[in-house]
Amino acid sequence: MTEHEEYCVSIRDSYKMPDRTPAGYAVMLWAWNSHDETWRYAAIRNYLFADYNGSGRKALRQARRDARKLAGIFNYTNHDTNEEGMWQ
């Protein structure tokens, strides 16, 4: 078994339903469940394009900035927009 930290953060695309229209980005906080040996969603914060004058770059920049701060404060792993390493 691979040792995992207790928490980590990542950034995902955020969509409007039902047509999956891109709406922004979401910083996700994940908690490791040792019973199931999998990551479980713990918290989310959305960064909507509309909040940044419709700019996807500004929304992503703010999401990355906040994910770095969160990971740094609590010493979590920051997977940014690539969650692939979480699931291995």
N, C-alpha and C. Protein backbone atom coordinates (compact mmCIF):
# COMPACT_ATOMS: atom_id res chain seq x y z
N MET A 1 0.84 -1.19 0.00
CA MET A 1 0.00 0.00 0.00
C MET A 1 0.87 1.24 0.00
N THR A 2 0.50 2.20 -0.79
CA THR A 2 1.21 3.47 -0.85
C THR A 2 0.73 4.36 0.29
N GLU A 3 1.67 5.01 0.97
CA GLU A 3 1.31 5.95 2.03
C GLU A 3 0.76 7.22 1.41
N HIS A 4 -0.33 7.72 1.96
CA HIS A 4 -0.95 8.95 1.46
C HIS A 4 -1.05 9.96 2.58
N GLU A 5 -1.05 11.20 2.20
CA GLU A 5 -1.32 12.25 3.16
C GLU A 5 -2.80 12.22 3.51
N GLU A 6 -3.15 12.95 4.53
CA GLU A 6 -4.53 12.97 4.96
C GLU A 6 -5.42 13.81 4.05
N TYR A 7 -4.87 14.91 3.50
CA TYR A 7 -5.63 15.81 2.63
C TYR A 7 -4.77 16.23 1.44
N CYS A 8 -5.43 16.70 0.38
CA CYS A 8 -4.74 17.31 -0.75
C CYS A 8 -5.73 18.24 -1.46
N VAL A 9 -5.22 19.08 -2.34
CA VAL A 9 -6.06 20.01 -3.10
C VAL A 9 -5.82 19.82 -4.58
N SER A 10 -6.84 20.15 -5.38
CA SER A 10 -6.72 20.10 -6.83
C SER A 10 -7.67 21.14 -7.43
N ILE A 11 -7.51 21.37 -8.72
CA ILE A 11 -8.37 22.33 -9.43
C ILE A 11 -9.07 21.59 -10.57
N ARG A 12 -10.37 21.77 -10.66
CA ARG A 12 -11.17 21.14 -11.72
C ARG A 12 -11.94 22.21 -12.48
N ASP A 13 -12.34 21.86 -13.70
CA ASP A 13 -13.25 22.71 -14.46
C ASP A 13 -14.62 22.64 -13.80
N SER A 14 -15.32 23.76 -13.81
CA SER A 14 -16.66 23.84 -13.25
C SER A 14 -17.64 24.07 -14.40
N TYR A 15 -18.74 23.33 -14.39
CA TYR A 15 -19.72 23.39 -15.49
C TYR A 15 -21.10 23.74 -14.98
N LYS A 16 -21.91 24.33 -15.88
CA LYS A 16 -23.34 24.53 -15.63
C LYS A 16 -24.05 23.33 -16.23
N MET A 17 -25.03 22.83 -15.54
CA MET A 17 -25.83 21.72 -16.04
C MET A 17 -27.12 22.26 -16.61
N PRO A 18 -27.78 21.60 -17.52
CA PRO A 18 -27.57 20.24 -17.97
C PRO A 18 -26.68 20.12 -19.21
N ASP A 19 -26.29 21.23 -19.82
CA ASP A 19 -25.54 21.14 -21.07
C ASP A 19 -24.03 21.20 -20.90
N ARG A 20 -23.55 21.20 -19.66
CA ARG A 20 -22.11 21.22 -19.33
C ARG A 20 -21.40 22.41 -19.95
N THR A 21 -22.01 23.59 -19.87
CA THR A 21 -21.39 24.83 -20.33
C THR A 21 -20.29 25.21 -19.34
N PRO A 22 -19.06 25.48 -19.81
CA PRO A 22 -17.99 25.88 -18.89
C PRO A 22 -18.39 27.15 -18.12
N ALA A 23 -18.23 27.10 -16.80
CA ALA A 23 -18.63 28.22 -15.95
C ALA A 23 -17.46 28.80 -15.17
N GLY A 24 -16.37 28.04 -15.04
CA GLY A 24 -15.22 28.52 -14.27
C GLY A 24 -14.37 27.36 -13.80
N TYR A 25 -13.79 27.54 -12.61
CA TYR A 25 -12.92 26.52 -12.02
C TYR A 25 -13.34 26.30 -10.58
N ALA A 26 -12.96 25.17 -10.03
CA ALA A 26 -13.27 24.85 -8.64
C ALA A 26 -12.01 24.31 -7.96
N VAL A 27 -11.68 24.85 -6.81
CA VAL A 27 -10.60 24.31 -5.98
C VAL A 27 -11.25 23.27 -5.08
N MET A 28 -10.75 22.04 -5.17
CA MET A 28 -11.31 20.92 -4.42
C MET A 28 -10.37 20.52 -3.30
N LEU A 29 -10.92 20.33 -2.11
CA LEU A 29 -10.18 19.77 -0.99
C LEU A 29 -10.60 18.31 -0.87
N TRP A 30 -9.62 17.42 -0.86
CA TRP A 30 -9.88 15.99 -0.80
C TRP A 30 -9.36 15.43 0.52
N ALA A 31 -10.09 14.49 1.10
CA ALA A 31 -9.68 13.81 2.32
C ALA A 31 -9.47 12.33 2.02
N TRP A 32 -8.39 11.77 2.56
CA TRP A 32 -8.10 10.36 2.35
C TRP A 32 -8.94 9.52 3.30
N ASN A 33 -9.67 8.55 2.76
CA ASN A 33 -10.46 7.64 3.56
C ASN A 33 -9.69 6.34 3.67
N SER A 34 -9.12 6.08 4.82
CA SER A 34 -8.28 4.88 4.97
C SER A 34 -9.10 3.60 4.95
N HIS A 35 -10.38 3.67 5.29
CA HIS A 35 -11.22 2.48 5.26
C HIS A 35 -11.42 1.98 3.82
N ASP A 36 -11.76 2.90 2.93
CA ASP A 36 -11.98 2.54 1.52
C ASP A 36 -10.71 2.66 0.70
N GLU A 37 -9.67 3.28 1.27
CA GLU A 37 -8.42 3.57 0.58
C GLU A 37 -8.66 4.34 -0.72
N THR A 38 -9.40 5.44 -0.58
CA THR A 38 -9.68 6.30 -1.72
C THR A 38 -9.83 7.73 -1.24
N TRP A 39 -9.74 8.66 -2.20
CA TRP A 39 -9.93 10.07 -1.89
C TRP A 39 -11.41 10.38 -1.92
N ARG A 40 -11.87 11.17 -0.96
CA ARG A 40 -13.25 11.62 -0.91
C ARG A 40 -13.29 13.14 -0.91
N TYR A 41 -14.27 13.67 -1.61
CA TYR A 41 -14.49 15.11 -1.68
C TYR A 41 -14.77 15.64 -0.27
N ALA A 42 -14.09 16.71 0.15
CA ALA A 42 -14.31 17.29 1.47
C ALA A 42 -14.87 18.71 1.39
N ALA A 43 -14.39 19.51 0.44
CA ALA A 43 -14.88 20.89 0.31
C ALA A 43 -14.57 21.41 -1.08
N ILE A 44 -15.26 22.48 -1.46
CA ILE A 44 -15.08 23.07 -2.79
C ILE A 44 -15.26 24.58 -2.70
N ARG A 45 -14.51 25.29 -3.53
CA ARG A 45 -14.73 26.72 -3.72
C ARG A 45 -14.69 27.00 -5.21
N ASN A 46 -15.75 27.65 -5.71
CA ASN A 46 -15.87 27.93 -7.13
C ASN A 46 -15.29 29.29 -7.48
N TYR A 47 -14.67 29.36 -8.65
CA TYR A 47 -14.14 30.60 -9.23
C TYR A 47 -14.80 30.75 -10.59
N LEU A 48 -15.92 31.45 -10.61
CA LEU A 48 -16.73 31.56 -11.82
C LEU A 48 -16.18 32.64 -12.74
N PHE A 49 -16.27 32.38 -14.05
CA PHE A 49 -15.81 33.36 -15.04
C PHE A 49 -16.50 34.70 -14.83
N ALA A 50 -17.80 34.65 -14.51
CA ALA A 50 -18.58 35.88 -14.34
C ALA A 50 -18.02 36.77 -13.23
N ASP A 51 -17.42 36.18 -12.22
CA ASP A 51 -16.85 36.94 -11.11
C ASP A 51 -15.56 37.65 -11.49
N TYR A 52 -14.98 37.27 -12.61
CA TYR A 52 -13.70 37.84 -13.08
C TYR A 52 -13.87 38.47 -14.45
N ASN A 53 -14.99 39.16 -14.64
CA ASN A 53 -15.31 39.86 -15.89
C ASN A 53 -15.28 38.93 -17.10
N GLY A 54 -15.68 37.70 -16.92
CA GLY A 54 -15.75 36.74 -18.01
C GLY A 54 -14.41 36.17 -18.43
N SER A 55 -13.36 36.44 -17.68
CA SER A 55 -12.01 36.01 -18.05
C SER A 55 -11.67 34.65 -17.43
N GLY A 56 -11.48 33.66 -18.28
CA GLY A 56 -11.07 32.35 -17.81
C GLY A 56 -9.67 32.35 -17.24
N ARG A 57 -8.78 33.16 -17.83
CA ARG A 57 -7.40 33.23 -17.33
C ARG A 57 -7.34 33.81 -15.93
N LYS A 58 -8.12 34.87 -15.68
CA LYS A 58 -8.13 35.48 -14.35
C LYS A 58 -8.71 34.52 -13.31
N ALA A 59 -9.77 33.82 -13.67
CA ALA A 59 -10.38 32.86 -12.75
C ALA A 59 -9.41 31.73 -12.42
N LEU A 60 -8.71 31.20 -13.43
CA LEU A 60 -7.74 30.13 -13.20
C LEU A 60 -6.56 30.63 -12.37
N ARG A 61 -6.10 31.83 -12.66
CA ARG A 61 -4.98 32.40 -11.89
C ARG A 61 -5.34 32.52 -10.41
N GLN A 62 -6.55 33.01 -10.11
CA GLN A 62 -6.98 33.14 -8.72
C GLN A 62 -7.16 31.78 -8.06
N ALA A 63 -7.71 30.82 -8.79
CA ALA A 63 -7.88 29.47 -8.25
C ALA A 63 -6.52 28.85 -7.92
N ARG A 64 -5.56 29.02 -8.81
CA ARG A 64 -4.21 28.48 -8.56
C ARG A 64 -3.56 29.17 -7.37
N ARG A 65 -3.73 30.47 -7.26
CA ARG A 65 -3.15 31.23 -6.15
C ARG A 65 -3.73 30.73 -4.82
N ASP A 66 -5.04 30.57 -4.76
CA ASP A 66 -5.67 30.12 -3.53
C ASP A 66 -5.33 28.66 -3.21
N ALA A 67 -5.21 27.81 -4.22
CA ALA A 67 -4.83 26.41 -3.99
C ALA A 67 -3.41 26.34 -3.43
N ARG A 68 -2.49 27.17 -3.97
CA ARG A 68 -1.12 27.20 -3.44
C ARG A 68 -1.10 27.66 -1.99
N LYS A 69 -1.89 28.69 -1.68
CA LYS A 69 -1.95 29.19 -0.30
C LYS A 69 -2.50 28.13 0.64
N LEU A 70 -3.58 27.48 0.26
CA LEU A 70 -4.19 26.45 1.09
C LEU A 70 -3.22 25.29 1.32
N ALA A 71 -2.57 24.85 0.26
CA ALA A 71 -1.61 23.75 0.38
C ALA A 71 -0.42 24.17 1.23
N GLY A 72 0.02 25.40 1.10
CA GLY A 72 1.16 25.87 1.87
C GLY A 72 0.86 26.04 3.35
N ILE A 73 -0.30 26.57 3.66
CA ILE A 73 -0.67 26.80 5.06
C ILE A 73 -0.78 25.47 5.82
N PHE A 74 -1.42 24.49 5.22
CA PHE A 74 -1.68 23.24 5.91
C PHE A 74 -0.73 22.11 5.50
N ASN A 75 0.24 22.42 4.66
CA ASN A 75 1.23 21.44 4.19
C ASN A 75 0.57 20.27 3.47
N TYR A 76 -0.40 20.58 2.58
CA TYR A 76 -1.05 19.58 1.75
C TYR A 76 -0.32 19.49 0.42
N THR A 77 -0.54 18.41 -0.31
CA THR A 77 -0.06 18.29 -1.68
C THR A 77 -1.00 19.05 -2.60
N ASN A 78 -0.45 19.85 -3.50
CA ASN A 78 -1.24 20.61 -4.47
C ASN A 78 -1.09 19.94 -5.83
N HIS A 79 -2.15 19.32 -6.31
CA HIS A 79 -2.13 18.64 -7.60
C HIS A 79 -2.50 19.56 -8.76
N ASP A 80 -2.81 20.82 -8.46
CA ASP A 80 -3.17 21.81 -9.47
C ASP A 80 -4.26 21.25 -10.38
N THR A 81 -4.07 21.29 -11.70
CA THR A 81 -5.09 20.80 -12.62
C THR A 81 -4.85 19.35 -13.04
N ASN A 82 -3.87 18.69 -12.45
CA ASN A 82 -3.54 17.30 -12.81
C ASN A 82 -3.74 16.41 -11.60
N GLU A 83 -4.87 15.75 -11.52
CA GLU A 83 -5.18 14.87 -10.39
C GLU A 83 -4.66 13.45 -10.58
N GLU A 84 -3.98 13.19 -11.67
CA GLU A 84 -3.57 11.84 -11.98
C GLU A 84 -2.76 11.19 -10.85
N GLY A 85 -1.87 11.94 -10.22
CA GLY A 85 -1.05 11.41 -9.14
C GLY A 85 -1.83 11.03 -7.90
N MET A 86 -2.99 11.64 -7.72
CA MET A 86 -3.82 11.32 -6.55
C MET A 86 -4.31 9.89 -6.57
N TRP A 87 -4.63 9.40 -7.73
CA TRP A 87 -5.33 8.13 -7.85
C TRP A 87 -4.41 6.93 -8.00
N GLN A 88 -3.12 7.15 -7.93
CA GLN A 88 -2.18 6.03 -8.06
C GLN A 88 -1.86 5.43 -6.71
